[in-house]
Amino acid sequence: MQTLFILLLAGAVLATLFVLTKGVIGMANGADFSGARSQGLMRKRVLYQAVAIFLAVILMMMGSSA
């Protein structure tokens, strides 16, 4: 069960990194980023971070009960 949560956590972290990198590269290149697109990327990043934190907390709780 812990292995599943570790894989899910890794996926959430990678998704966060991908969205963050996509936004930073887009802004650095001066791409035509509208406010709505920028907000959408930021919301996705925050969502993925929240999922990663939630999974990390579950993993720590599972580890402390063992």
Protein backbone atom coordinates (compact mmCIF):
# COMPACT_ATOMS: atom_id res chain seq x y z
CA MET A 1 0.00 0.00 0.00
CA GLN A 2 2.86 2.37 0.81
CA THR A 3 4.35 1.73 -2.62
CA LEU A 4 1.14 2.94 -4.25
CA PHE A 5 1.18 6.15 -2.22
CA ILE A 6 4.86 6.70 -3.03
CA LEU A 7 4.13 6.34 -6.75
CA LEU A 8 1.16 8.69 -6.49
CA LEU A 9 3.29 11.19 -4.57
CA ALA A 10 6.01 11.01 -7.23
CA GLY A 11 3.39 11.60 -9.92
CA ALA A 12 2.00 14.63 -8.11
CA VAL A 13 5.48 16.08 -7.63
CA LEU A 14 6.35 15.54 -11.29
CA ALA A 15 3.06 17.11 -12.38
CA THR A 16 3.79 20.14 -10.19
CA LEU A 17 7.29 20.42 -11.62
CA PHE A 18 5.99 20.14 -15.18
CA VAL A 19 3.37 22.87 -14.78
CA LEU A 20 5.83 25.14 -12.95
CA THR A 21 8.47 24.66 -15.64
CA LYS A 22 5.95 25.25 -18.41
CA GLY A 23 4.89 28.55 -16.84
CA VAL A 24 8.43 29.76 -16.13
CA ILE A 25 9.68 28.93 -19.62
CA GLY A 26 6.66 30.55 -21.20
CA MET A 27 7.17 33.74 -19.23
CA ALA A 28 10.93 33.76 -19.86
CA ASN A 29 10.43 33.42 -23.60
CA GLY A 30 8.00 36.30 -23.56
CA ALA A 31 5.32 34.09 -25.02
CA ASP A 32 1.85 35.49 -25.42
CA PHE A 33 0.57 34.45 -22.01
CA SER A 34 -2.81 35.90 -21.27
CA GLY A 35 -3.86 36.45 -17.70
CA ALA A 36 -6.33 33.59 -17.93
CA ARG A 37 -3.68 31.15 -19.13
CA SER A 38 -1.26 32.23 -16.41
CA GLN A 39 -3.97 31.87 -13.76
CA GLY A 40 -4.88 28.44 -15.09
CA LEU A 41 -1.30 27.23 -14.81
CA MET A 42 -0.99 28.66 -11.31
CA ARG A 43 -4.19 26.96 -10.19
CA LYS A 44 -3.02 23.62 -11.57
CA ARG A 45 0.31 24.01 -9.79
CA VAL A 46 -1.37 24.78 -6.48
CA LEU A 47 -3.75 21.83 -6.92
CA TYR A 48 -0.89 19.42 -7.65
CA GLN A 49 1.05 20.76 -4.68
CA ALA A 50 -1.95 20.23 -2.41
CA VAL A 51 -2.32 16.65 -3.63
CA ALA A 52 1.40 16.03 -3.05
CA ILE A 53 1.23 17.42 0.49
CA PHE A 54 -1.89 15.37 1.24
CA LEU A 55 -0.19 12.18 0.02
CA ALA A 56 2.97 12.98 1.99
CA VAL A 57 0.93 13.41 5.16
CA ILE A 58 -0.82 10.08 4.57
CA LEU A 59 2.56 8.39 4.04
CA MET A 60 3.92 9.85 7.27
CA MET A 61 0.83 8.72 9.17
CA MET A 62 1.19 5.21 7.71
CA GLY A 63 4.86 5.14 8.69
CA SER A 64 4.24 6.23 12.25
CA SER A 65 1.57 3.58 12.84
CA ALA A 66 3.78 0.71 11.69
